[in-house]
Amino acid sequence: MPEGDSVHRLAARLRQVDGALVVRGELRGGAAAGRSLTGRRVVEHVTHGKHLLTRFDDGTTLHTHLRMQGSWTITRAGRRLPADAARSARVRMALEDGRTVWGLDLPVVELVDTRDEHDVVGHLGPDPLRDDFDAAEAVRRLTADPELRVRTALLDQRRIAGLGNLWANELGFVRGLHPDRAVGTVDVPALVATACRMLRYSAAPPATGAPDQYQVTTGSRRRGEQHWVVGRAGRPCLRCGTVVRARDETEVVGSPPRRVWWCPRCQPPA
């Protein structure tokens, strides 16, 4: 599932069409499937956690979520999508300059009044990538249940928005926290500060001439060395050499299992 920094970077890419008029377009998925988007002008793209909000000039907002399979693409004037991709389109917006914006295989597609955006994202916790991020509120929400596992707390989008499985695992390593550690025993303000730095660094566009550090947590872009623990089960820890462990666990009944990675030495149980 894309993480908050993934969607933040997606929004930055889609902003190239902000201000454009939709001359032909419609929703092809969700409860509003068949609803025309023709005649609306794209005002802006904003995000909250893993949710994308496309605002139009008529006071409506297109709310979408990628989950595991969704994506967006833009075709240039005169270009068409491959037939298989076109069949998976859930949003189509043909623009006045000939480009077309496609939302592909999106599991969440909703058209809401902009004034009612809170109905679809109001349950989310503070987002480190938003200008209105409230660190104190994130700390309050994360510590509301002191017995909760730190990993579970980080993945709960109602407590802090935008952290997915990759960041929950890598943050645990960087802060030296075993995934089963109770959040009430953790320096949560420091954890939130570290999460902010890592997420913002990943979401930022690369400086001129510098390598892109998107979701690179170690500082190294060498294959197999981009993450401290994620994807390194059975391999030596890059810091201490201890074999990295992993297990699959289901956070929510009915949802697919997610993998947990940790270094037994760098992330002791207590």
C-alpha atoms as a PDB file:
ATOM      1  CA  MET A   1       0.000   0.000   0.000  1.00  0.00           C
ATOM      2  CA  PRO A   2       1.387   3.446  -0.863  1.00  0.00           C
ATOM      3  CA  GLU A   3       2.513   5.498   2.116  1.00  0.00           C
ATOM      4  CA  GLY A   4       1.878   9.164   2.820  1.00  0.00           C
ATOM      5  CA  ASP A   5       5.059  10.260   1.071  1.00  0.00           C
ATOM      6  CA  SER A   6       4.020   8.278  -2.036  1.00  0.00           C
ATOM      7  CA  VAL A   7       0.705  10.118  -2.275  1.00  0.00           C
ATOM      8  CA  HIS A   8       2.371  13.453  -1.455  1.00  0.00           C
ATOM      9  CA  ARG A   9       4.733  13.018  -4.394  1.00  0.00           C
ATOM     10  CA  LEU A  10       1.856  11.886  -6.603  1.00  0.00           C
ATOM     11  CA  ALA A  11      -0.025  15.097  -5.785  1.00  0.00           C
ATOM     12  CA  ALA A  12       3.073  17.133  -6.656  1.00  0.00           C
ATOM     13  CA  ARG A  13       3.178  15.432 -10.071  1.00  0.00           C
ATOM     14  CA  LEU A  14      -0.543  15.962 -10.698  1.00  0.00           C
ATOM     15  CA  ARG A  15      -0.248  19.678  -9.898  1.00  0.00           C
ATOM     16  CA  GLN A  16       1.001  20.168 -13.445  1.00  0.00           C
ATOM     17  CA  VAL A  17      -2.679  20.107 -14.464  1.00  0.00           C
ATOM     18  CA  ASP A  18      -3.885  22.532 -11.774  1.00  0.00           C
ATOM     19  CA  GLY A  19      -5.803  25.335 -13.484  1.00  0.00           C
ATOM     20  CA  ALA A  20      -6.733  23.176 -16.487  1.00  0.00           C
ATOM     21  CA  LEU A  21     -10.282  22.876 -17.793  1.00  0.00           C
ATOM     22  CA  VAL A  22     -11.796  19.409 -18.179  1.00  0.00           C
ATOM     23  CA  VAL A  23     -13.384  19.373 -21.641  1.00  0.00           C
ATOM     24  CA  ARG A  24     -14.474  15.727 -21.465  1.00  0.00           C
ATOM     25  CA  GLY A  25     -14.448  13.490 -18.450  1.00  0.00           C
ATOM     26  CA  GLU A  26     -16.350  11.271 -16.109  1.00  0.00           C
ATOM     27  CA  LEU A  27     -16.152   8.993 -13.106  1.00  0.00           C
ATOM     28  CA  ARG A  28     -16.103   5.309 -13.975  1.00  0.00           C
ATOM     29  CA  GLY A  29     -16.052   3.865 -10.477  1.00  0.00           C
ATOM     30  CA  GLY A  30     -17.646   4.307  -7.069  1.00  0.00           C
ATOM     31  CA  ALA A  31     -21.186   5.288  -6.166  1.00  0.00           C
ATOM     32  CA  ALA A  32     -21.030   8.257  -8.562  1.00  0.00           C
ATOM     33  CA  ALA A  33     -19.919   6.194 -11.574  1.00  0.00           C
ATOM     34  CA  GLY A  34     -21.162   7.875 -14.759  1.00  0.00           C
ATOM     35  CA  ARG A  35     -21.047  11.364 -13.240  1.00  0.00           C
ATOM     36  CA  SER A  36     -19.672  13.895 -15.715  1.00  0.00           C
ATOM     37  CA  LEU A  37     -16.629  16.025 -14.867  1.00  0.00           C
ATOM     38  CA  THR A  38     -16.903  18.052 -18.081  1.00  0.00           C
ATOM     39  CA  GLY A  39     -16.738  21.810 -17.622  1.00  0.00           C
ATOM     40  CA  ARG A  40     -14.991  21.728 -14.259  1.00  0.00           C
ATOM     41  CA  ARG A  41     -11.625  23.388 -13.807  1.00  0.00           C
ATOM     42  CA  VAL A  42      -9.022  21.709 -11.619  1.00  0.00           C
ATOM     43  CA  VAL A  43      -8.109  24.064  -8.786  1.00  0.00           C
ATOM     44  CA  GLU A  44      -5.564  22.084  -6.775  1.00  0.00           C
ATOM     45  CA  HIS A  45      -4.407  18.717  -5.486  1.00  0.00           C
ATOM     46  CA  VAL A  46      -3.917  18.234  -1.757  1.00  0.00           C
ATOM     47  CA  THR A  47      -3.328  15.218   0.438  1.00  0.00           C
ATOM     48  CA  HIS A  48      -4.083  14.032   3.935  1.00  0.00           C
ATOM     49  CA  GLY A  49      -2.202  10.888   4.848  1.00  0.00           C
ATOM     50  CA  LYS A  50      -2.775   8.398   2.054  1.00  0.00           C
ATOM     51  CA  HIS A  51      -5.839  10.213   0.689  1.00  0.00           C
ATOM     52  CA  LEU A  52      -5.775  12.404  -2.443  1.00  0.00           C
ATOM     53  CA  LEU A  53      -8.172  15.337  -2.838  1.00  0.00           C
ATOM     54  CA  THR A  54      -8.633  16.905  -6.284  1.00  0.00           C
ATOM     55  CA  ARG A  55     -10.549  20.172  -5.907  1.00  0.00           C
ATOM     56  CA  PHE A  56     -12.591  21.749  -8.706  1.00  0.00           C
ATOM     57  CA  ASP A  57     -13.792  25.297  -9.240  1.00  0.00           C
ATOM     58  CA  ASP A  58     -17.466  24.380  -8.798  1.00  0.00           C
ATOM     59  CA  GLY A  59     -17.021  23.627  -5.105  1.00  0.00           C
ATOM     60  CA  THR A  60     -16.658  19.855  -5.473  1.00  0.00           C
ATOM     61  CA  THR A  61     -13.768  17.582  -4.549  1.00  0.00           C
ATOM     62  CA  LEU A  62     -12.775  14.228  -5.983  1.00  0.00           C
ATOM     63  CA  HIS A  63     -11.629  11.997  -3.116  1.00  0.00           C
ATOM     64  CA  THR A  64      -9.547   8.969  -4.094  1.00  0.00           C
ATOM     65  CA  HIS A  65      -7.403   6.381  -2.342  1.00  0.00           C
ATOM     66  CA  LEU A  66      -4.891   4.088  -4.041  1.00  0.00           C
ATOM     67  CA  ARG A  67      -4.851   1.281  -1.460  1.00  0.00           C
ATOM     68  CA  MET A  68      -2.834  -1.625  -2.877  1.00  0.00           C
ATOM     69  CA  GLN A  69      -3.462  -1.333  -6.605  1.00  0.00           C
ATOM     70  CA  GLY A  70      -4.486   2.178  -7.668  1.00  0.00           C
ATOM     71  CA  SER A  71      -2.414   4.619  -9.740  1.00  0.00           C
ATOM     72  CA  TRP A  72      -2.638   7.838 -11.768  1.00  0.00           C
ATOM     73  CA  THR A  73      -1.124   8.659 -15.120  1.00  0.00           C
ATOM     74  CA  ILE A  74      -1.218  11.515 -17.636  1.00  0.00           C
ATOM     75  CA  THR A  75      -1.140  10.908 -21.394  1.00  0.00           C
ATOM     76  CA  ARG A  76       0.095  13.569 -23.781  1.00  0.00           C
ATOM     77  CA  ALA A  77      -1.990  14.974 -26.607  1.00  0.00           C
ATOM     78  CA  GLY A  78      -2.502  12.356 -29.300  1.00  0.00           C
ATOM     79  CA  ARG A  79      -1.488   9.473 -27.036  1.00  0.00           C
ATOM     80  CA  ARG A  80      -3.803   6.717 -25.828  1.00  0.00           C
ATOM     81  CA  LEU A  81      -3.666   4.265 -22.962  1.00  0.00           C
ATOM     82  CA  PRO A  82      -3.079   0.585 -23.712  1.00  0.00           C
ATOM     83  CA  ALA A  83      -6.430  -1.221 -23.930  1.00  0.00           C
ATOM     84  CA  ASP A  84      -5.907  -3.161 -20.684  1.00  0.00           C
ATOM     85  CA  ALA A  85      -5.107   0.005 -18.747  1.00  0.00           C
ATOM     86  CA  ALA A  86      -8.054   1.865 -20.268  1.00  0.00           C
ATOM     87  CA  ARG A  87     -10.403  -0.860 -19.054  1.00  0.00           C
ATOM     88  CA  SER A  88      -9.184  -0.302 -15.489  1.00  0.00           C
ATOM     89  CA  ALA A  89      -9.756   3.469 -15.602  1.00  0.00           C
ATOM     90  CA  ARG A  90     -12.000   4.746 -12.814  1.00  0.00           C
ATOM     91  CA  VAL A  91     -11.490   8.450 -13.584  1.00  0.00           C
ATOM     92  CA  ARG A  92     -10.950  10.160 -16.935  1.00  0.00           C
ATOM     93  CA  MET A  93     -10.285  13.863 -17.398  1.00  0.00           C
ATOM     94  CA  ALA A  94      -9.486  15.063 -20.918  1.00  0.00           C
ATOM     95  CA  LEU A  95      -8.040  18.567 -20.653  1.00  0.00           C
ATOM     96  CA  GLU A  96      -8.220  21.595 -22.910  1.00  0.00           C
ATOM     97  CA  ASP A  97      -4.550  21.251 -23.942  1.00  0.00           C
ATOM     98  CA  GLY A  98      -5.015  17.681 -25.214  1.00  0.00           C
ATOM     99  CA  ARG A  99      -3.615  15.837 -22.230  1.00  0.00           C
ATOM    100  CA  THR A 100      -5.742  13.286 -20.379  1.00  0.00           C
ATOM    101  CA  VAL A 101      -5.550  12.415 -16.688  1.00  0.00           C
ATOM    102  CA  TRP A 102      -6.437   8.837 -15.783  1.00  0.00           C
ATOM    103  CA  GLY A 103      -7.146   7.331 -12.379  1.00  0.00           C
ATOM    104  CA  LEU A 104      -6.518   3.610 -12.797  1.00  0.00           C
ATOM    105  CA  ASP A 105      -7.909   0.757 -10.731  1.00  0.00           C
ATOM    106  CA  LEU A 106      -8.808   3.105  -7.879  1.00  0.00           C
ATOM    107  CA  PRO A 107     -10.741   1.289  -5.135  1.00  0.00           C
ATOM    108  CA  VAL A 108     -12.047   4.548  -3.630  1.00  0.00           C
ATOM    109  CA  VAL A 109     -13.657   7.170  -5.884  1.00  0.00           C
ATOM    110  CA  GLU A 110     -15.989   9.727  -4.317  1.00  0.00           C
ATOM    111  CA  LEU A 111     -17.233  13.124  -5.430  1.00  0.00           C
ATOM    112  CA  VAL A 112     -18.105  15.319  -2.450  1.00  0.00           C
ATOM    113  CA  ASP A 113     -18.748  18.980  -1.807  1.00  0.00           C
ATOM    114  CA  THR A 114     -15.463  20.657  -0.907  1.00  0.00           C
ATOM    115  CA  ARG A 115     -17.032  22.034   2.260  1.00  0.00           C
ATOM    116  CA  ASP A 116     -17.753  18.422   3.291  1.00  0.00           C
ATOM    117  CA  GLU A 117     -14.221  17.041   2.863  1.00  0.00           C
ATOM    118  CA  HIS A 118     -14.155  16.386   6.611  1.00  0.00           C
ATOM    119  CA  ASP A 119     -16.666  13.599   5.999  1.00  0.00           C
ATOM    120  CA  VAL A 120     -14.004  11.585   4.152  1.00  0.00           C
ATOM    121  CA  VAL A 121     -10.761  12.664   5.873  1.00  0.00           C
ATOM    122  CA  GLY A 122     -11.904  14.164   9.160  1.00  0.00           C
ATOM    123  CA  HIS A 123     -11.237  10.929  11.040  1.00  0.00           C
ATOM    124  CA  LEU A 124      -7.540  11.044  10.196  1.00  0.00           C
ATOM    125  CA  GLY A 125      -4.843  12.055  12.628  1.00  0.00           C
ATOM    126  CA  PRO A 126      -2.299  14.835  12.020  1.00  0.00           C
ATOM    127  CA  ASP A 127      -0.244  14.432   8.847  1.00  0.00           C
ATOM    128  CA  PRO A 128       3.507  15.277   9.092  1.00  0.00           C
ATOM    129  CA  LEU A 129       3.490  16.349   5.429  1.00  0.00           C
ATOM    130  CA  ARG A 130       0.785  18.976   5.835  1.00  0.00           C
ATOM    131  CA  ASP A 131       1.445  22.598   6.760  1.00  0.00           C
ATOM    132  CA  ASP A 132      -1.099  22.309   9.576  1.00  0.00           C
ATOM    133  CA  PHE A 133       0.643  19.353  11.236  1.00  0.00           C
ATOM    134  CA  ASP A 134       0.142  19.403  15.013  1.00  0.00           C
ATOM    135  CA  ALA A 135       2.899  17.361  16.660  1.00  0.00           C
ATOM    136  CA  ALA A 136       1.400  17.724  20.124  1.00  0.00           C
ATOM    137  CA  GLU A 137      -1.924  16.351  18.910  1.00  0.00           C
ATOM    138  CA  ALA A 138      -0.150  13.414  17.250  1.00  0.00           C
ATOM    139  CA  VAL A 139       1.615  12.651  20.538  1.00  0.00           C
ATOM    140  CA  ARG A 140      -1.684  12.873  22.430  1.00  0.00           C
ATOM    141  CA  ARG A 141      -3.386  10.440  20.067  1.00  0.00           C
ATOM    142  CA  LEU A 142      -0.488   7.996  20.007  1.00  0.00           C
ATOM    143  CA  THR A 143      -0.338   7.859  23.813  1.00  0.00           C
ATOM    144  CA  ALA A 144      -4.107   7.699  24.401  1.00  0.00           C
ATOM    145  CA  ASP A 145      -3.802   3.917  24.904  1.00  0.00           C
ATOM    146  CA  PRO A 146      -0.451   3.333  26.684  1.00  0.00           C
ATOM    147  CA  GLU A 147      -0.729  -0.472  26.429  1.00  0.00           C
ATOM    148  CA  LEU A 148      -1.013  -0.411  22.643  1.00  0.00           C
ATOM    149  CA  ARG A 149       1.986  -1.772  20.748  1.00  0.00           C
ATOM    150  CA  VAL A 150       4.069   1.016  19.249  1.00  0.00           C
ATOM    151  CA  ARG A 151       3.831  -0.569  15.782  1.00  0.00           C
ATOM    152  CA  THR A 152       0.046  -0.785  15.985  1.00  0.00           C
ATOM    153  CA  ALA A 153      -0.185   2.826  17.142  1.00  0.00           C
ATOM    154  CA  LEU A 154       1.963   4.068  14.252  1.00  0.00           C
ATOM    155  CA  LEU A 155      -0.151   2.219  11.691  1.00  0.00           C
ATOM    156  CA  ASP A 156      -3.423   3.624  13.058  1.00  0.00           C
ATOM    157  CA  GLN A 157      -4.246   6.464  10.638  1.00  0.00           C
ATOM    158  CA  ARG A 158      -6.551   8.011  13.248  1.00  0.00           C
ATOM    159  CA  ARG A 159      -3.545   8.694  15.476  1.00  0.00           C
ATOM    160  CA  ILE A 160      -1.007   9.902  12.907  1.00  0.00           C
ATOM    161  CA  ALA A 161      -1.703   9.865   9.178  1.00  0.00           C
ATOM    162  CA  GLY A 162       0.581   8.703   6.401  1.00  0.00           C
ATOM    163  CA  LEU A 163       2.759   6.071   8.073  1.00  0.00           C
ATOM    164  CA  GLY A 164       2.451   2.649   6.482  1.00  0.00           C
ATOM    165  CA  ASN A 165       4.203  -0.657   7.008  1.00  0.00           C
ATOM    166  CA  LEU A 166       7.568   0.446   5.643  1.00  0.00           C
ATOM    167  CA  TRP A 167       7.775   3.444   7.956  1.00  0.00           C
ATOM    168  CA  ALA A 168       6.465   1.585  11.011  1.00  0.00           C
ATOM    169  CA  ASN A 169       9.264  -0.959  10.593  1.00  0.00           C
ATOM    170  CA  GLU A 170      12.050   1.479   9.768  1.00  0.00           C
ATOM    171  CA  LEU A 171      11.064   3.902  12.542  1.00  0.00           C
ATOM    172  CA  GLY A 172      11.137   1.047  15.009  1.00  0.00           C
ATOM    173  CA  PHE A 173      14.713   0.285  14.028  1.00  0.00           C
ATOM    174  CA  VAL A 174      15.915   3.881  14.003  1.00  0.00           C
ATOM    175  CA  ARG A 175      14.443   4.499  17.467  1.00  0.00           C
ATOM    176  CA  GLY A 176      15.607   1.103  18.812  1.00  0.00           C
ATOM    177  CA  LEU A 177      12.062  -0.078  19.535  1.00  0.00           C
ATOM    178  CA  HIS A 178      10.935  -3.688  19.412  1.00  0.00           C
ATOM    179  CA  PRO A 179       7.634  -3.925  17.455  1.00  0.00           C
ATOM    180  CA  ASP A 180       5.870  -5.363  20.518  1.00  0.00           C
ATOM    181  CA  ARG A 181       6.970  -2.550  22.838  1.00  0.00           C
ATOM    182  CA  ALA A 182       4.084  -0.766  24.576  1.00  0.00           C
ATOM    183  CA  VAL A 183       3.758   2.788  23.303  1.00  0.00           C
ATOM    184  CA  GLY A 184       3.421   4.021  26.887  1.00  0.00           C
ATOM    185  CA  THR A 185       7.062   3.062  27.522  1.00  0.00           C
ATOM    186  CA  VAL A 186       8.352   5.029  24.533  1.00  0.00           C
ATOM    187  CA  ASP A 187       9.601   8.609  24.154  1.00  0.00           C
ATOM    188  CA  VAL A 188       6.715   9.438  21.824  1.00  0.00           C
ATOM    189  CA  PRO A 189       7.620  13.118  21.169  1.00  0.00           C
ATOM    190  CA  ALA A 190      11.041  11.958  19.940  1.00  0.00           C
ATOM    191  CA  LEU A 191       9.389   9.207  17.886  1.00  0.00           C
ATOM    192  CA  VAL A 192       7.047  11.726  16.235  1.00  0.00           C
ATOM    193  CA  ALA A 193       9.944  14.101  15.528  1.00  0.00           C
ATOM    194  CA  THR A 194      11.907  11.276  13.876  1.00  0.00           C
ATOM    195  CA  ALA A 195       8.870  10.226  11.848  1.00  0.00           C
ATOM    196  CA  CYS A 196       8.466  13.798  10.591  1.00  0.00           C
ATOM    197  CA  ARG A 197      12.099  14.102   9.528  1.00  0.00           C
ATOM    198  CA  MET A 198      12.128  10.753   7.723  1.00  0.00           C
ATOM    199  CA  LEU A 199       8.794  11.219   5.966  1.00  0.00           C
ATOM    200  CA  ARG A 200       9.563  14.781   4.866  1.00  0.00           C
ATOM    201  CA  TYR A 201      13.013  13.822   3.615  1.00  0.00           C
ATOM    202  CA  SER A 202      11.520  11.008   1.571  1.00  0.00           C
ATOM    203  CA  ALA A 203       8.694  13.152   0.182  1.00  0.00           C
ATOM    204  CA  ALA A 204      10.932  16.048  -0.866  1.00  0.00           C
ATOM    205  CA  PRO A 205      12.031  16.285  -4.504  1.00  0.00           C
ATOM    206  CA  PRO A 206      15.766  15.667  -4.911  1.00  0.00           C
ATOM    207  CA  ALA A 207      18.066  18.671  -4.903  1.00  0.00           C
ATOM    208  CA  THR A 208      19.700  19.527  -8.206  1.00  0.00           C
ATOM    209  CA  GLY A 209      22.317  16.901  -8.960  1.00  0.00           C
ATOM    210  CA  ALA A 210      21.561  14.914  -5.807  1.00  0.00           C
ATOM    211  CA  PRO A 211      20.198  11.341  -5.832  1.00  0.00           C
ATOM    212  CA  ASP A 212      16.542  10.837  -5.036  1.00  0.00           C
ATOM    213  CA  GLN A 213      16.157   9.640  -1.441  1.00  0.00           C
ATOM    214  CA  TYR A 214      12.533   8.521  -1.779  1.00  0.00           C
ATOM    215  CA  GLN A 215      11.941   5.837   0.886  1.00  0.00           C
ATOM    216  CA  VAL A 216      15.684   5.362   1.404  1.00  0.00           C
ATOM    217  CA  THR A 217      16.218   5.172   5.159  1.00  0.00           C
ATOM    218  CA  THR A 218      19.889   4.174   5.394  1.00  0.00           C
ATOM    219  CA  GLY A 219      21.296   6.887   3.120  1.00  0.00           C
ATOM    220  CA  SER A 220      22.575   4.239   0.700  1.00  0.00           C
ATOM    221  CA  ARG A 221      20.895   3.572  -2.622  1.00  0.00           C
ATOM    222  CA  ARG A 222      22.812   0.329  -3.193  1.00  0.00           C
ATOM    223  CA  ARG A 223      20.577  -2.617  -3.926  1.00  0.00           C
ATOM    224  CA  GLY A 224      19.702  -4.401  -0.684  1.00  0.00           C
ATOM    225  CA  GLU A 225      21.014  -1.552   1.475  1.00  0.00           C
ATOM    226  CA  GLN A 226      18.260   1.043   1.131  1.00  0.00           C
ATOM    227  CA  HIS A 227      16.413  -0.074   4.287  1.00  0.00           C
ATOM    228  CA  TRP A 228      17.641  -1.000   7.749  1.00  0.00           C
ATOM    229  CA  VAL A 229      15.336  -3.975   8.272  1.00  0.00           C
ATOM    230  CA  VAL A 230      12.546  -4.033   5.670  1.00  0.00           C
ATOM    231  CA  GLY A 231      13.195  -6.849   3.213  1.00  0.00           C
ATOM    232  CA  ARG A 232      16.265  -8.059   5.127  1.00  0.00           C
ATOM    233  CA  ALA A 233      14.874 -11.158   6.900  1.00  0.00           C
ATOM    234  CA  GLY A 234      17.646 -13.716   7.447  1.00  0.00           C
ATOM    235  CA  ARG A 235      20.357 -11.223   6.486  1.00  0.00           C
ATOM    236  CA  PRO A 236      22.794  -9.462   8.810  1.00  0.00           C
ATOM    237  CA  CYS A 237      21.787  -6.145  10.341  1.00  0.00           C
ATOM    238  CA  LEU A 238      23.578  -3.314   8.565  1.00  0.00           C
ATOM    239  CA  ARG A 239      24.476  -1.816  11.947  1.00  0.00           C
ATOM    240  CA  CYS A 240      25.436  -4.723  14.220  1.00  0.00           C
ATOM    241  CA  GLY A 241      25.532  -7.853  12.045  1.00  0.00           C
ATOM    242  CA  THR A 242      22.818  -9.738  13.958  1.00  0.00           C
ATOM    243  CA  VAL A 243      20.439 -11.696  11.729  1.00  0.00           C
ATOM    244  CA  VAL A 244      17.275  -9.689  11.041  1.00  0.00           C
ATOM    245  CA  ARG A 245      14.053 -11.458  11.970  1.00  0.00           C
ATOM    246  CA  ALA A 246      10.601 -11.233  10.397  1.00  0.00           C
ATOM    247  CA  ARG A 247       7.079 -12.500  10.892  1.00  0.00           C
ATOM    248  CA  ASP A 248       3.672 -11.982   9.314  1.00  0.00           C
ATOM    249  CA  GLU A 249       0.814 -10.688  11.393  1.00  0.00           C
ATOM    250  CA  THR A 250      -2.741  -9.505  10.809  1.00  0.00           C
ATOM    251  CA  GLU A 251      -3.440  -6.131  12.404  1.00  0.00           C
ATOM    252  CA  VAL A 252      -7.154  -6.086  11.581  1.00  0.00           C
ATOM    253  CA  VAL A 253      -9.407  -9.126  11.233  1.00  0.00           C
ATOM    254  CA  GLY A 254     -10.180  -9.711   7.569  1.00  0.00           C
ATOM    255  CA  SER A 255      -7.250  -7.667   6.269  1.00  0.00           C
ATOM    256  CA  PRO A 256      -4.207  -9.261   4.602  1.00  0.00           C
ATOM    257  CA  PRO A 257      -1.212  -9.967   6.855  1.00  0.00           C
ATOM    258  CA  ARG A 258       1.652  -7.503   6.958  1.00  0.00           C
ATOM    259  CA  ARG A 259       5.280  -8.354   7.496  1.00  0.00           C
ATOM    260  CA  VAL A 260       7.180  -7.180  10.549  1.00  0.00           C
ATOM    261  CA  TRP A 261      10.972  -6.918  10.495  1.00  0.00           C
ATOM    262  CA  TRP A 262      13.316  -6.158  13.392  1.00  0.00           C
ATOM    263  CA  CYS A 263      16.867  -6.622  14.622  1.00  0.00           C
ATOM    264  CA  PRO A 264      16.891  -8.523  17.959  1.00  0.00           C
ATOM    265  CA  ARG A 265      20.003  -6.699  19.161  1.00  0.00           C
ATOM    266  CA  CYS A 266      19.235  -3.152  17.985  1.00  0.00           C
ATOM    267  CA  GLN A 267      15.562  -3.462  18.994  1.00  0.00           C
ATOM    268  CA  PRO A 268      15.468  -5.341  22.315  1.00  0.00           C
ATOM    269  CA  PRO A 269      12.069  -6.227  23.842  1.00  0.00           C
ATOM    270  CA  ALA A 270      12.510  -3.725  26.674  1.00  0.00           C
END
